[in-house]
Amino acid sequence: MHSPTPEERRGAGRADEDALRDFEVAEVGDVTGRTLLHLPCGTGLGVLSWARRGAAHVVGLDLSEPAVETARALAADLGLTQDRAAFVAAGVYDAAEAVPDRAYDIVHTGGGALRRLPDVERWAETAAALVAPGGFLYLAEPHPLADALDDETGSRVVHDYFVRDPWPDAGPDTGPDADPDSDPDSDSDSGGERAHPVGEVVTALARAGLRIDFLHEHDAALLPRYGVLRRHEDGCYRFPAGRPRVPLTYSVKASRPA
């Protein structure tokens, strides 16, 4: 198996790079001493960011073996052994059989992961089964309403919000909100990207046995998906001042009672 070169690791980001947005850190809260699973993890920057914030044991899963190898190399750069940071090459739907532990305090999905999965109910069932009693699932995804708007100004509805078919010619992680921590080969679960309405996602989590603690909508995007967005000090992109806003990202916390 190919081991990532230092140049390839630098292309994936620095091991000490904080890949988390401020609202994610605030909403997840203190992770000190907790276990955390990231589905999928891409090249591992998000997982390692949680480890650096005090998580006792983090696990990342991704279908792309090159991405997993890069994540392992970045963990080694930080001096983290497998008992602190482990990475597994497997599909999201196979996570329960592939990850080293039966359940985790926190299961994290985000960065456009749901857009690459065709079956949200199957994802919710898989992820919920891995949440330990007293733990929670945390999701931070591009808002599907933003996918219905025009790419230049984000001011006109040009696509059907409720269509669940794959986007034409949409390759893996190619959308305007594609997570820079992801890998182009990690899309084999999906056969293309598609939007999932927020109601579909929240309902799937509730049906999987989790309690919805909150659904938050945010006016910030990770990347400048519209030409008019402006970068702010927190690294996120927002509409200019005075411009009517729409949600660009949403987050959900869903817990399993102790």
C-alpha atoms as a PDB file:
ATOM      1  CA  MET A   1       0.000   0.000   0.000  1.00  0.00           C
ATOM      2  CA  HIS A   2       1.281   3.462  -0.899  1.00  0.00           C
ATOM      3  CA  SER A   3       2.460   5.537   2.056  1.00  0.00           C
ATOM      4  CA  PRO A   4       1.902   9.304   1.659  1.00  0.00           C
ATOM      5  CA  THR A   5       5.018  11.346   1.028  1.00  0.00           C
ATOM      6  CA  PRO A   6       5.685  14.506   3.097  1.00  0.00           C
ATOM      7  CA  GLU A   7       4.600  16.539   0.053  1.00  0.00           C
ATOM      8  CA  GLU A   8       1.291  14.659  -0.152  1.00  0.00           C
ATOM      9  CA  ARG A   9       0.689  15.164   3.552  1.00  0.00           C
ATOM     10  CA  ARG A  10       1.307  18.885   3.180  1.00  0.00           C
ATOM     11  CA  GLY A  11      -1.220  18.931   0.342  1.00  0.00           C
ATOM     12  CA  ALA A  12      -3.789  17.423   2.712  1.00  0.00           C
ATOM     13  CA  GLY A  13      -3.090  20.081   5.346  1.00  0.00           C
ATOM     14  CA  ARG A  14      -0.841  20.334   8.390  1.00  0.00           C
ATOM     15  CA  ALA A  15      -1.295  17.849  11.193  1.00  0.00           C
ATOM     16  CA  ASP A  16      -1.625  20.742  13.670  1.00  0.00           C
ATOM     17  CA  GLU A  17      -4.182  22.613  11.543  1.00  0.00           C
ATOM     18  CA  ASP A  18      -7.494  23.335  13.286  1.00  0.00           C
ATOM     19  CA  ALA A  19     -10.154  22.201  10.806  1.00  0.00           C
ATOM     20  CA  LEU A  20     -13.132  23.014  13.065  1.00  0.00           C
ATOM     21  CA  ARG A  21     -15.376  26.037  12.753  1.00  0.00           C
ATOM     22  CA  ASP A  22     -16.143  28.122  15.835  1.00  0.00           C
ATOM     23  CA  PHE A  23     -19.807  27.130  15.956  1.00  0.00           C
ATOM     24  CA  GLU A  24     -18.905  23.417  15.776  1.00  0.00           C
ATOM     25  CA  VAL A  25     -16.580  23.727  18.764  1.00  0.00           C
ATOM     26  CA  ALA A  26     -19.235  25.639  20.730  1.00  0.00           C
ATOM     27  CA  GLU A  27     -22.073  23.242  19.887  1.00  0.00           C
ATOM     28  CA  VAL A  28     -20.160  20.013  20.525  1.00  0.00           C
ATOM     29  CA  GLY A  29     -18.706  21.367  23.753  1.00  0.00           C
ATOM     30  CA  ASP A  30     -15.865  19.991  25.841  1.00  0.00           C
ATOM     31  CA  VAL A  31     -14.585  16.694  24.433  1.00  0.00           C
ATOM     32  CA  THR A  32     -11.966  16.091  27.134  1.00  0.00           C
ATOM     33  CA  GLY A  33     -11.771  12.406  27.996  1.00  0.00           C
ATOM     34  CA  ARG A  34     -14.484  11.428  25.505  1.00  0.00           C
ATOM     35  CA  THR A  35     -14.444   9.021  22.554  1.00  0.00           C
ATOM     36  CA  LEU A  36     -15.322  10.326  19.108  1.00  0.00           C
ATOM     37  CA  LEU A  37     -16.029   8.741  15.718  1.00  0.00           C
ATOM     38  CA  HIS A  38     -15.986  10.751  12.467  1.00  0.00           C
ATOM     39  CA  LEU A  39     -17.998   9.378   9.501  1.00  0.00           C
ATOM     40  CA  PRO A  40     -16.446   9.843   6.953  1.00  0.00           C
ATOM     41  CA  CYS A  41     -13.166  11.463   7.949  1.00  0.00           C
ATOM     42  CA  GLY A  42     -11.397  12.284   4.647  1.00  0.00           C
ATOM     43  CA  THR A  43      -7.734  12.932   5.380  1.00  0.00           C
ATOM     44  CA  GLY A  44      -8.394  13.190   9.102  1.00  0.00           C
ATOM     45  CA  LEU A  45      -7.865  16.872   9.878  1.00  0.00           C
ATOM     46  CA  GLY A  46     -11.200  17.171  11.676  1.00  0.00           C
ATOM     47  CA  VAL A  47     -10.615  14.012  13.711  1.00  0.00           C
ATOM     48  CA  LEU A  48      -7.157  15.158  14.725  1.00  0.00           C
ATOM     49  CA  SER A  49      -8.511  18.585  15.667  1.00  0.00           C
ATOM     50  CA  TRP A  50     -10.805  16.903  18.202  1.00  0.00           C
ATOM     51  CA  ALA A  51      -7.890  14.834  19.519  1.00  0.00           C
ATOM     52  CA  ARG A  52      -5.854  17.998  20.001  1.00  0.00           C
ATOM     53  CA  ARG A  53      -8.798  19.457  21.945  1.00  0.00           C
ATOM     54  CA  GLY A  54      -8.623  16.646  24.476  1.00  0.00           C
ATOM     55  CA  ALA A  55     -10.674  13.726  23.141  1.00  0.00           C
ATOM     56  CA  ALA A  56      -9.323  10.547  24.741  1.00  0.00           C
ATOM     57  CA  HIS A  57      -9.776   8.329  21.687  1.00  0.00           C
ATOM     58  CA  VAL A  58     -10.771   9.372  18.172  1.00  0.00           C
ATOM     59  CA  VAL A  59     -11.571   7.123  15.221  1.00  0.00           C
ATOM     60  CA  GLY A  60     -11.912   8.189  11.609  1.00  0.00           C
ATOM     61  CA  LEU A  61     -13.508   6.075   8.886  1.00  0.00           C
ATOM     62  CA  ASP A  62     -13.323   6.710   5.175  1.00  0.00           C
ATOM     63  CA  LEU A  63     -13.777   4.585   2.061  1.00  0.00           C
ATOM     64  CA  SER A  64     -10.599   5.961   0.458  1.00  0.00           C
ATOM     65  CA  GLU A  65      -7.494   4.020   1.477  1.00  0.00           C
ATOM     66  CA  PRO A  66      -5.153   6.837   0.311  1.00  0.00           C
ATOM     67  CA  ALA A  67      -7.095   9.281   2.515  1.00  0.00           C
ATOM     68  CA  VAL A  68      -6.856   6.909   5.484  1.00  0.00           C
ATOM     69  CA  GLU A  69      -3.124   6.417   4.937  1.00  0.00           C
ATOM     70  CA  THR A  70      -2.677  10.191   4.871  1.00  0.00           C
ATOM     71  CA  ALA A  71      -4.692  10.510   8.086  1.00  0.00           C
ATOM     72  CA  ARG A  72      -2.513   7.899   9.776  1.00  0.00           C
ATOM     73  CA  ALA A  73       0.614   9.729   8.662  1.00  0.00           C
ATOM     74  CA  LEU A  74      -0.724  13.043   9.992  1.00  0.00           C
ATOM     75  CA  ALA A  75      -1.533  11.371  13.328  1.00  0.00           C
ATOM     76  CA  ALA A  76       2.020  10.048  13.466  1.00  0.00           C
ATOM     77  CA  ASP A  77       3.288  13.576  12.823  1.00  0.00           C
ATOM     78  CA  LEU A  78       1.463  14.600  16.012  1.00  0.00           C
ATOM     79  CA  GLY A  79       2.880  11.653  17.946  1.00  0.00           C
ATOM     80  CA  LEU A  80      -0.552  10.050  18.359  1.00  0.00           C
ATOM     81  CA  THR A  81      -0.570   6.263  18.614  1.00  0.00           C
ATOM     82  CA  GLN A  82      -3.515   4.079  17.572  1.00  0.00           C
ATOM     83  CA  ASP A  83      -4.920   4.063  21.076  1.00  0.00           C
ATOM     84  CA  ARG A  84      -5.433   7.828  20.696  1.00  0.00           C
ATOM     85  CA  ALA A  85      -6.213   8.172  16.972  1.00  0.00           C
ATOM     86  CA  ALA A  86      -7.179   5.232  14.742  1.00  0.00           C
ATOM     87  CA  PHE A  87      -8.250   5.319  11.107  1.00  0.00           C
ATOM     88  CA  VAL A  88     -10.193   2.663   9.212  1.00  0.00           C
ATOM     89  CA  ALA A  89     -10.752   2.214   5.463  1.00  0.00           C
ATOM     90  CA  ALA A  90     -14.413   1.239   4.968  1.00  0.00           C
ATOM     91  CA  GLY A  91     -17.716   2.588   3.663  1.00  0.00           C
ATOM     92  CA  VAL A  92     -20.007   4.559   5.956  1.00  0.00           C
ATOM     93  CA  TYR A  93     -22.770   1.949   5.761  1.00  0.00           C
ATOM     94  CA  ASP A  94     -20.272  -0.700   6.955  1.00  0.00           C
ATOM     95  CA  ALA A  95     -19.050   1.347   9.903  1.00  0.00           C
ATOM     96  CA  ALA A  96     -20.556  -0.815  12.661  1.00  0.00           C
ATOM     97  CA  GLU A  97     -18.526  -3.815  11.512  1.00  0.00           C
ATOM     98  CA  ALA A  98     -15.367  -1.876  10.664  1.00  0.00           C
ATOM     99  CA  VAL A  99     -14.636   0.447  13.601  1.00  0.00           C
ATOM    100  CA  PRO A 100     -12.747  -0.853  16.665  1.00  0.00           C
ATOM    101  CA  ASP A 101     -15.396  -0.047  19.300  1.00  0.00           C
ATOM    102  CA  ARG A 102     -19.116  -0.803  19.505  1.00  0.00           C
ATOM    103  CA  ALA A 103     -20.156   2.713  20.525  1.00  0.00           C
ATOM    104  CA  TYR A 104     -18.764   6.241  20.985  1.00  0.00           C
ATOM    105  CA  ASP A 105     -19.605   9.240  23.132  1.00  0.00           C
ATOM    106  CA  ILE A 106     -19.771  11.433  20.018  1.00  0.00           C
ATOM    107  CA  VAL A 107     -20.442  10.460  16.399  1.00  0.00           C
ATOM    108  CA  HIS A 108     -19.643  13.328  14.027  1.00  0.00           C
ATOM    109  CA  THR A 109     -20.703  13.718  10.393  1.00  0.00           C
ATOM    110  CA  GLY A 110     -20.164  16.810   8.308  1.00  0.00           C
ATOM    111  CA  GLY A 111     -18.490  18.683   5.489  1.00  0.00           C
ATOM    112  CA  GLY A 112     -20.896  17.503   2.797  1.00  0.00           C
ATOM    113  CA  ALA A 113     -20.825  13.811   3.749  1.00  0.00           C
ATOM    114  CA  LEU A 114     -24.598  13.359   3.424  1.00  0.00           C
ATOM    115  CA  ARG A 115     -24.547  14.738  -0.110  1.00  0.00           C
ATOM    116  CA  ARG A 116     -22.456  11.719  -1.111  1.00  0.00           C
ATOM    117  CA  LEU A 117     -24.793   9.153   0.497  1.00  0.00           C
ATOM    118  CA  PRO A 118     -27.971   8.133  -1.355  1.00  0.00           C
ATOM    119  CA  ASP A 119     -29.789   6.524   1.602  1.00  0.00           C
ATOM    120  CA  VAL A 120     -30.197   8.889   4.556  1.00  0.00           C
ATOM    121  CA  GLU A 121     -32.271   6.434   6.599  1.00  0.00           C
ATOM    122  CA  ARG A 122     -29.565   3.787   6.319  1.00  0.00           C
ATOM    123  CA  TRP A 123     -26.947   6.361   7.315  1.00  0.00           C
ATOM    124  CA  ALA A 124     -29.019   7.439  10.326  1.00  0.00           C
ATOM    125  CA  GLU A 125     -29.547   3.844  11.477  1.00  0.00           C
ATOM    126  CA  THR A 126     -25.829   3.086  11.121  1.00  0.00           C
ATOM    127  CA  ALA A 127     -24.676   6.243  12.894  1.00  0.00           C
ATOM    128  CA  ALA A 128     -27.278   6.020  15.659  1.00  0.00           C
ATOM    129  CA  ALA A 129     -26.274   2.439  16.453  1.00  0.00           C
ATOM    130  CA  LEU A 130     -22.754   3.703  17.179  1.00  0.00           C
ATOM    131  CA  VAL A 131     -23.834   6.381  19.695  1.00  0.00           C
ATOM    132  CA  ALA A 132     -23.231   5.213  23.261  1.00  0.00           C
ATOM    133  CA  PRO A 133     -25.937   5.695  25.923  1.00  0.00           C
ATOM    134  CA  GLY A 134     -25.574   9.250  27.173  1.00  0.00           C
ATOM    135  CA  GLY A 135     -23.743  10.220  23.981  1.00  0.00           C
ATOM    136  CA  PHE A 136     -24.849  12.126  20.904  1.00  0.00           C
ATOM    137  CA  LEU A 137     -24.552  12.483  17.158  1.00  0.00           C
ATOM    138  CA  TYR A 138     -23.451  15.847  15.803  1.00  0.00           C
ATOM    139  CA  LEU A 139     -24.031  16.836  12.196  1.00  0.00           C
ATOM    140  CA  ALA A 140     -22.833  20.009  10.428  1.00  0.00           C
ATOM    141  CA  GLU A 141     -23.672  20.082   6.717  1.00  0.00           C
ATOM    142  CA  PRO A 142     -24.163  22.533   3.842  1.00  0.00           C
ATOM    143  CA  HIS A 143     -27.798  23.661   3.917  1.00  0.00           C
ATOM    144  CA  PRO A 144     -29.793  22.077   1.058  1.00  0.00           C
ATOM    145  CA  LEU A 145     -31.663  25.342   0.487  1.00  0.00           C
ATOM    146  CA  ALA A 146     -28.366  26.857  -0.652  1.00  0.00           C
ATOM    147  CA  ASP A 147     -28.168  24.176  -3.354  1.00  0.00           C
ATOM    148  CA  ALA A 148     -31.434  25.461  -4.853  1.00  0.00           C
ATOM    149  CA  LEU A 149     -30.009  28.956  -5.485  1.00  0.00           C
ATOM    150  CA  ASP A 150     -28.006  30.335  -8.399  1.00  0.00           C
ATOM    151  CA  ASP A 151     -24.225  30.015  -8.138  1.00  0.00           C
ATOM    152  CA  GLU A 152     -23.342  33.650  -8.812  1.00  0.00           C
ATOM    153  CA  THR A 153     -25.515  35.698  -6.446  1.00  0.00           C
ATOM    154  CA  GLY A 154     -27.400  33.154  -4.324  1.00  0.00           C
ATOM    155  CA  SER A 155     -30.485  35.313  -4.747  1.00  0.00           C
ATOM    156  CA  ARG A 156     -32.627  33.301  -7.192  1.00  0.00           C
ATOM    157  CA  VAL A 157     -34.187  29.860  -6.792  1.00  0.00           C
ATOM    158  CA  VAL A 158     -33.087  27.938  -9.877  1.00  0.00           C
ATOM    159  CA  HIS A 159     -33.258  24.304  -8.692  1.00  0.00           C
ATOM    160  CA  ASP A 160     -35.965  22.185  -7.093  1.00  0.00           C
ATOM    161  CA  TYR A 161     -35.334  21.920  -3.341  1.00  0.00           C
ATOM    162  CA  PHE A 162     -37.095  18.553  -3.063  1.00  0.00           C
ATOM    163  CA  VAL A 163     -35.414  16.684  -5.928  1.00  0.00           C
ATOM    164  CA  ARG A 164     -33.276  13.833  -4.563  1.00  0.00           C
ATOM    165  CA  ASP A 165     -31.747  12.662  -7.838  1.00  0.00           C
ATOM    166  CA  PRO A 166     -27.947  12.932  -8.263  1.00  0.00           C
ATOM    167  CA  TRP A 167     -26.788  16.219  -9.708  1.00  0.00           C
ATOM    168  CA  PRO A 168     -25.791  16.004 -13.394  1.00  0.00           C
ATOM    169  CA  ASP A 169     -22.052  15.549 -13.922  1.00  0.00           C
ATOM    170  CA  ALA A 170     -21.416  15.897 -10.184  1.00  0.00           C
ATOM    171  CA  GLY A 171     -18.273  14.000  -9.344  1.00  0.00           C
ATOM    172  CA  PRO A 172     -17.215  13.209  -5.795  1.00  0.00           C
ATOM    173  CA  ASP A 173     -16.595  16.232  -3.586  1.00  0.00           C
ATOM    174  CA  THR A 174     -16.804  18.634  -6.517  1.00  0.00           C
ATOM    175  CA  GLY A 175     -19.594  20.884  -5.287  1.00  0.00           C
ATOM    176  CA  PRO A 176     -19.031  24.469  -4.161  1.00  0.00           C
ATOM    177  CA  ASP A 177     -19.229  23.378  -0.525  1.00  0.00           C
ATOM    178  CA  ALA A 178     -16.948  20.359  -0.937  1.00  0.00           C
ATOM    179  CA  ASP A 179     -14.979  19.703   2.231  1.00  0.00           C
ATOM    180  CA  PRO A 180     -11.239  20.346   1.680  1.00  0.00           C
ATOM    181  CA  ASP A 181     -10.618  17.603   4.269  1.00  0.00           C
ATOM    182  CA  SER A 182     -12.264  14.990   2.021  1.00  0.00           C
ATOM    183  CA  ASP A 183     -10.781  12.756  -0.657  1.00  0.00           C
ATOM    184  CA  PRO A 184     -12.059  12.359  -4.245  1.00  0.00           C
ATOM    185  CA  ASP A 185     -12.028   8.576  -3.928  1.00  0.00           C
ATOM    186  CA  SER A 186     -14.303   8.502  -0.875  1.00  0.00           C
ATOM    187  CA  ASP A 187     -17.514   8.702  -2.892  1.00  0.00           C
ATOM    188  CA  SER A 188     -18.149   5.083  -3.840  1.00  0.00           C
ATOM    189  CA  ASP A 189     -21.014   4.909  -1.325  1.00  0.00           C
ATOM    190  CA  SER A 190     -23.028   7.301  -3.435  1.00  0.00           C
ATOM    191  CA  GLY A 191     -22.702   7.307  -7.209  1.00  0.00           C
ATOM    192  CA  GLY A 192     -22.902  11.102  -7.217  1.00  0.00           C
ATOM    193  CA  GLU A 193     -23.912  14.017  -5.024  1.00  0.00           C
ATOM    194  CA  ARG A 194     -27.467  14.989  -4.190  1.00  0.00           C
ATOM    195  CA  ALA A 195     -29.297  17.245  -1.753  1.00  0.00           C
ATOM    196  CA  HIS A 196     -31.303  15.842   1.162  1.00  0.00           C
ATOM    197  CA  PRO A 197     -33.978  18.181   2.602  1.00  0.00           C
ATOM    198  CA  VAL A 198     -33.438  19.045   6.251  1.00  0.00           C
ATOM    199  CA  GLY A 199     -36.745  17.466   7.257  1.00  0.00           C
ATOM    200  CA  GLU A 200     -35.672  14.145   5.737  1.00  0.00           C
ATOM    201  CA  VAL A 201     -32.430  14.134   7.736  1.00  0.00           C
ATOM    202  CA  VAL A 202     -33.992  15.086  11.078  1.00  0.00           C
ATOM    203  CA  THR A 203     -36.831  12.592  10.653  1.00  0.00           C
ATOM    204  CA  ALA A 204     -34.352   9.800   9.837  1.00  0.00           C
ATOM    205  CA  LEU A 205     -32.414  10.495  13.043  1.00  0.00           C
ATOM    206  CA  ALA A 206     -35.595  10.492  15.129  1.00  0.00           C
ATOM    207  CA  ARG A 207     -36.749   7.223  13.572  1.00  0.00           C
ATOM    208  CA  ALA A 208     -33.331   5.725  14.353  1.00  0.00           C
ATOM    209  CA  GLY A 209     -34.029   6.242  18.063  1.00  0.00           C
ATOM    210  CA  LEU A 210     -32.166   9.469  18.771  1.00  0.00           C
ATOM    211  CA  ARG A 211     -33.653  12.506  20.522  1.00  0.00           C
ATOM    212  CA  ILE A 212     -33.269  15.770  18.606  1.00  0.00           C
ATOM    213  CA  ASP A 213     -31.666  18.301  20.956  1.00  0.00           C
ATOM    214  CA  PHE A 214     -31.382  21.128  18.451  1.00  0.00           C
ATOM    215  CA  LEU A 215     -31.492  22.104  14.798  1.00  0.00           C
ATOM    216  CA  HIS A 216     -29.525  25.274  14.105  1.00  0.00           C
ATOM    217  CA  GLU A 217     -29.186  27.187  10.840  1.00  0.00           C
ATOM    218  CA  HIS A 218     -26.127  29.329  10.116  1.00  0.00           C
ATOM    219  CA  ASP A 219     -25.496  32.206   7.720  1.00  0.00           C
ATOM    220  CA  ALA A 220     -21.914  31.031   7.056  1.00  0.00           C
ATOM    221  CA  ALA A 221     -20.382  28.662   4.490  1.00  0.00           C
ATOM    222  CA  LEU A 222     -17.026  26.910   4.589  1.00  0.00           C
ATOM    223  CA  LEU A 223     -16.275  27.876   0.990  1.00  0.00           C
ATOM    224  CA  PRO A 224     -17.398  30.783  -1.269  1.00  0.00           C
ATOM    225  CA  ARG A 225     -20.150  28.883  -3.064  1.00  0.00           C
ATOM    226  CA  TYR A 226     -21.542  32.156  -4.495  1.00  0.00           C
ATOM    227  CA  GLY A 227     -19.463  34.875  -6.101  1.00  0.00           C
ATOM    228  CA  VAL A 228     -20.842  37.533  -3.744  1.00  0.00           C
ATOM    229  CA  LEU A 229     -19.812  35.859  -0.485  1.00  0.00           C
ATOM    230  CA  ARG A 230     -17.065  37.479   1.573  1.00  0.00           C
ATOM    231  CA  ARG A 231     -14.554  35.798   3.867  1.00  0.00           C
ATOM    232  CA  HIS A 232     -14.647  36.751   7.557  1.00  0.00           C
ATOM    233  CA  GLU A 233     -12.059  36.518  10.311  1.00  0.00           C
ATOM    234  CA  ASP A 234     -13.391  33.133  11.434  1.00  0.00           C
ATOM    235  CA  GLY A 235     -12.550  31.699   8.008  1.00  0.00           C
ATOM    236  CA  CYS A 236     -16.207  31.339   6.963  1.00  0.00           C
ATOM    237  CA  TYR A 237     -17.954  33.068   4.067  1.00  0.00           C
ATOM    238  CA  ARG A 238     -21.077  35.230   4.390  1.00  0.00           C
ATOM    239  CA  PHE A 239     -23.239  37.538   2.319  1.00  0.00           C
ATOM    240  CA  PRO A 240     -22.211  41.226   2.303  1.00  0.00           C
ATOM    241  CA  ALA A 241     -23.685  43.512   4.949  1.00  0.00           C
ATOM    242  CA  GLY A 242     -27.180  44.680   4.086  1.00  0.00           C
ATOM    243  CA  ARG A 243     -27.874  41.730   1.838  1.00  0.00           C
ATOM    244  CA  PRO A 244     -30.828  39.476   2.826  1.00  0.00           C
ATOM    245  CA  ARG A 245     -29.422  36.228   4.156  1.00  0.00           C
ATOM    246  CA  VAL A 246     -30.380  32.586   3.739  1.00  0.00           C
ATOM    247  CA  PRO A 247     -29.040  29.617   5.706  1.00  0.00           C
ATOM    248  CA  LEU A 248     -25.820  28.270   4.187  1.00  0.00           C
ATOM    249  CA  THR A 249     -25.071  25.583   6.792  1.00  0.00           C
ATOM    250  CA  TYR A 250     -27.141  23.694   9.341  1.00  0.00           C
ATOM    251  CA  SER A 251     -26.240  21.662  12.398  1.00  0.00           C
ATOM    252  CA  VAL A 252     -28.080  19.021  14.399  1.00  0.00           C
ATOM    253  CA  LYS A 253     -27.384  17.433  17.765  1.00  0.00           C
ATOM    254  CA  ALA A 254     -29.252  14.206  18.470  1.00  0.00           C
ATOM    255  CA  SER A 255     -28.658  12.253  21.669  1.00  0.00           C
ATOM    256  CA  ARG A 256     -29.206   8.759  23.029  1.00  0.00           C
ATOM    257  CA  PRO A 257     -30.595   8.801  26.577  1.00  0.00           C
ATOM    258  CA  ALA A 258     -28.365   7.243  29.219  1.00  0.00           C
END
